[in-house]
Amino acid sequence: MFKKCMLLIVVFLGSSSTVLAYNEGKTVTYSGNAILRPTPSEEEAGKYITRNLLQNHLRKLSVNDSLSREIFRRYIENLDADKNLFTAVEVDNLRRFYANRIDDDFLAGRADAGFAIYNFFLKRAREKMLFMKALAGTVQFDFTLPETLDIDRKSDPWPASRRELLEQW
């Protein structure tokens, strides 16, 4: 019986998500400097998903600031897993401003916090790309020097300053 109920829930959620994800026939282009914002249909889909998760999730989740902080932590870690785009101060500022708002935004059908953080991520990723392009033709490598490059920074702390961040780049 339980398996049949789960199958019905999965089928229902799967079929309803395609209806909510309908693209209204609009083509979206990204110029590189545009600020991304949620569309009304994305906000409506967010309300629907939140409502269904609260009502139908097997684990009855408490939507509160604790959950909001965990979502924030995972979101930041997924955006900048190698800790080479944000500084510790920036992460703290984002945490202070957004970490306790994500749950409230979800319940109200808004995605403001997620989009604001993602826009900051895109801005920083563009800065890094421009920085690397500018250096590409000017840097001379001296392979006689014993230098290392830490490519797995997941367990390292966030860079303390912008200067430290630029040294990583």
Protein backbone atom coordinates (compact mmCIF):
# COMPACT_ATOMS: atom_id res chain seq x y z
CA MET A 1 0.00 0.00 0.00
CA PHE A 2 2.80 2.40 0.96
CA LYS A 3 4.59 1.76 -2.33
CA LYS A 4 1.42 2.53 -4.30
CA CYS A 5 0.92 5.80 -2.42
CA MET A 6 4.53 6.79 -3.01
CA LEU A 7 4.19 5.95 -6.70
CA LEU A 8 1.09 8.14 -6.94
CA ILE A 9 2.86 11.03 -5.20
CA VAL A 10 5.90 10.75 -7.47
CA VAL A 11 3.72 10.59 -10.60
CA PHE A 12 1.63 13.55 -9.42
CA LEU A 13 4.64 15.71 -8.58
CA GLY A 14 6.39 14.74 -11.79
CA SER A 15 3.41 15.55 -13.99
CA SER A 16 2.55 18.78 -12.19
CA SER A 17 6.11 20.09 -12.31
CA THR A 18 6.07 20.11 -16.12
CA VAL A 19 2.95 22.24 -16.07
CA LEU A 20 4.54 24.71 -13.66
CA ALA A 21 7.78 24.80 -15.65
CA TYR A 22 6.04 25.91 -18.84
CA ASN A 23 8.05 28.67 -20.54
CA GLU A 24 5.29 31.00 -21.72
CA GLY A 25 7.07 31.21 -25.10
CA LYS A 26 9.57 33.87 -24.01
CA THR A 27 13.18 33.67 -25.08
CA VAL A 28 15.59 34.79 -22.41
CA THR A 29 19.03 36.06 -23.34
CA TYR A 30 21.79 36.88 -20.93
CA SER A 31 24.03 39.82 -21.78
CA GLY A 32 26.65 39.12 -19.13
CA ASN A 33 25.86 42.17 -17.01
CA ALA A 34 22.14 41.68 -16.57
CA ILE A 35 20.70 41.16 -13.12
CA LEU A 36 18.68 37.96 -13.01
CA ARG A 37 15.27 38.15 -11.36
CA PRO A 38 12.59 35.50 -10.88
CA THR A 39 9.66 35.61 -13.26
CA PRO A 40 6.11 35.56 -11.90
CA SER A 41 5.72 31.95 -13.08
CA GLU A 42 8.92 30.94 -11.26
CA GLU A 43 7.65 32.58 -8.09
CA GLU A 44 4.32 30.78 -8.47
CA ALA A 45 6.16 27.49 -8.99
CA GLY A 46 8.17 28.20 -5.85
CA LYS A 47 4.98 28.69 -3.83
CA TYR A 48 3.55 25.46 -5.21
CA ILE A 49 6.71 23.45 -4.51
CA THR A 50 7.02 24.85 -0.99
CA ARG A 51 3.39 24.13 -0.21
CA ASN A 52 3.68 20.55 -1.50
CA LEU A 53 6.93 19.89 0.34
CA LEU A 54 5.40 21.09 3.60
CA GLN A 55 2.29 18.97 3.15
CA ASN A 56 3.69 15.84 1.52
CA HIS A 57 7.33 15.40 2.50
CA LEU A 58 7.98 12.18 4.40
CA ARG A 59 10.01 14.04 7.00
CA LYS A 60 7.85 16.79 8.36
CA LEU A 61 10.29 19.66 8.09
CA SER A 62 10.06 22.68 10.31
CA VAL A 63 10.43 25.73 8.12
CA ASN A 64 12.34 28.08 10.38
CA ASP A 65 15.56 30.05 10.58
CA SER A 66 17.54 26.90 11.32
CA LEU A 67 16.45 25.34 8.03
CA SER A 68 17.05 28.66 6.30
CA ARG A 69 20.64 28.81 7.57
CA GLU A 70 21.28 25.24 6.41
CA ILE A 71 19.92 26.03 2.93
CA PHE A 72 22.12 29.13 2.83
CA ARG A 73 25.21 27.17 3.89
CA ARG A 74 24.67 24.51 1.24
CA TYR A 75 23.88 27.09 -1.44
CA ILE A 76 27.08 29.07 -0.78
CA GLU A 77 29.18 25.90 -0.62
CA ASN A 78 27.73 24.71 -3.93
CA LEU A 79 28.25 28.05 -5.66
CA ASP A 80 31.84 28.45 -4.46
CA ALA A 81 32.93 24.98 -3.40
CA ASP A 82 36.64 25.71 -3.89
CA LYS A 83 36.40 29.01 -2.04
CA ASN A 84 37.98 31.01 -4.82
CA LEU A 85 35.26 33.56 -5.59
CA PHE A 86 34.10 34.97 -2.24
CA THR A 87 36.04 36.31 0.73
CA ALA A 88 35.22 35.44 4.34
CA VAL A 89 33.88 38.96 4.92
CA GLU A 90 31.58 38.68 1.89
CA VAL A 91 30.26 35.30 3.00
CA ASP A 92 29.63 36.71 6.49
CA ASN A 93 27.82 39.72 5.02
CA LEU A 94 25.68 37.48 2.80
CA ARG A 95 24.96 35.23 5.78
CA ARG A 96 23.99 38.18 7.98
CA PHE A 97 21.64 39.59 5.36
CA TYR A 98 20.13 36.45 3.76
CA ALA A 99 20.64 33.35 5.92
CA ASN A 100 17.51 33.86 8.04
CA ARG A 101 15.34 35.16 5.18
CA ILE A 102 15.31 32.16 2.84
CA ASP A 103 12.52 30.34 4.70
CA ASP A 104 10.36 33.47 4.76
CA ASP A 105 10.99 34.07 1.06
CA PHE A 106 9.99 30.49 0.20
CA LEU A 107 6.79 30.68 2.20
CA ALA A 108 5.89 33.96 0.48
CA GLY A 109 6.75 32.59 -2.96
CA ARG A 110 9.77 34.82 -3.41
CA ALA A 111 13.25 33.84 -4.50
CA ASP A 112 14.89 37.20 -3.81
CA ALA A 113 17.66 35.88 -1.56
CA GLY A 114 18.65 33.08 -3.92
CA PHE A 115 18.71 35.36 -6.95
CA ALA A 116 20.64 38.11 -5.13
CA ILE A 117 23.32 35.65 -4.00
CA TYR A 118 23.49 34.10 -7.47
CA ASN A 119 23.83 37.52 -9.10
CA PHE A 120 26.75 38.26 -6.76
CA PHE A 121 28.28 34.91 -7.75
CA LEU A 122 27.94 35.76 -11.46
CA LYS A 123 29.51 39.18 -10.90
CA ARG A 124 32.48 37.64 -9.12
CA ALA A 125 32.85 34.87 -11.72
CA ARG A 126 32.99 37.54 -14.47
CA GLU A 127 35.60 39.48 -12.49
CA LYS A 128 37.73 36.36 -12.15
CA MET A 129 37.44 35.56 -15.85
CA LEU A 130 38.44 39.10 -16.85
CA PHE A 131 41.34 39.01 -14.38
CA MET A 132 42.58 35.71 -15.81
CA LYS A 133 42.20 36.91 -19.41
CA ALA A 134 44.18 40.05 -18.64
CA LEU A 135 47.01 38.01 -17.11
CA ALA A 136 47.04 35.28 -19.75
CA GLY A 137 49.40 37.05 -22.12
CA THR A 138 51.58 38.78 -19.56
CA VAL A 139 52.55 36.17 -16.98
CA GLN A 140 55.87 34.40 -17.39
CA PHE A 141 56.19 31.06 -15.64
CA ASP A 142 59.48 30.12 -14.02
CA PHE A 143 59.44 26.35 -13.73
CA THR A 144 62.70 26.33 -11.78
CA LEU A 145 60.93 27.71 -8.68
CA PRO A 146 59.39 25.19 -6.24
CA GLU A 147 55.79 26.42 -6.25
CA THR A 148 52.56 24.60 -5.50
CA LEU A 149 48.93 25.17 -6.31
CA ASP A 150 46.21 24.04 -3.92
CA ILE A 151 43.39 22.86 -6.19
CA ASP A 152 41.22 21.25 -3.50
CA ARG A 153 40.29 24.06 -1.13
CA LYS A 154 37.03 22.60 0.19
CA SER A 155 38.40 22.22 3.71
CA ASP A 156 40.33 25.51 3.68
CA PRO A 157 38.88 28.71 5.12
CA TRP A 158 37.51 31.45 2.88
CA PRO A 159 40.18 33.96 1.83
CA ALA A 160 40.40 36.67 4.49
CA SER A 161 40.79 39.57 2.07
CA ARG A 162 40.38 40.59 -1.53
CA ARG A 163 44.17 40.56 -1.90
CA GLU A 164 44.32 36.95 -0.67
CA LEU A 165 41.56 36.07 -3.13
CA LEU A 166 43.44 37.67 -6.03
CA GLU A 167 46.55 35.69 -5.09
CA GLN A 168 44.53 32.50 -5.52
CA TRP A 169 43.38 33.56 -8.95
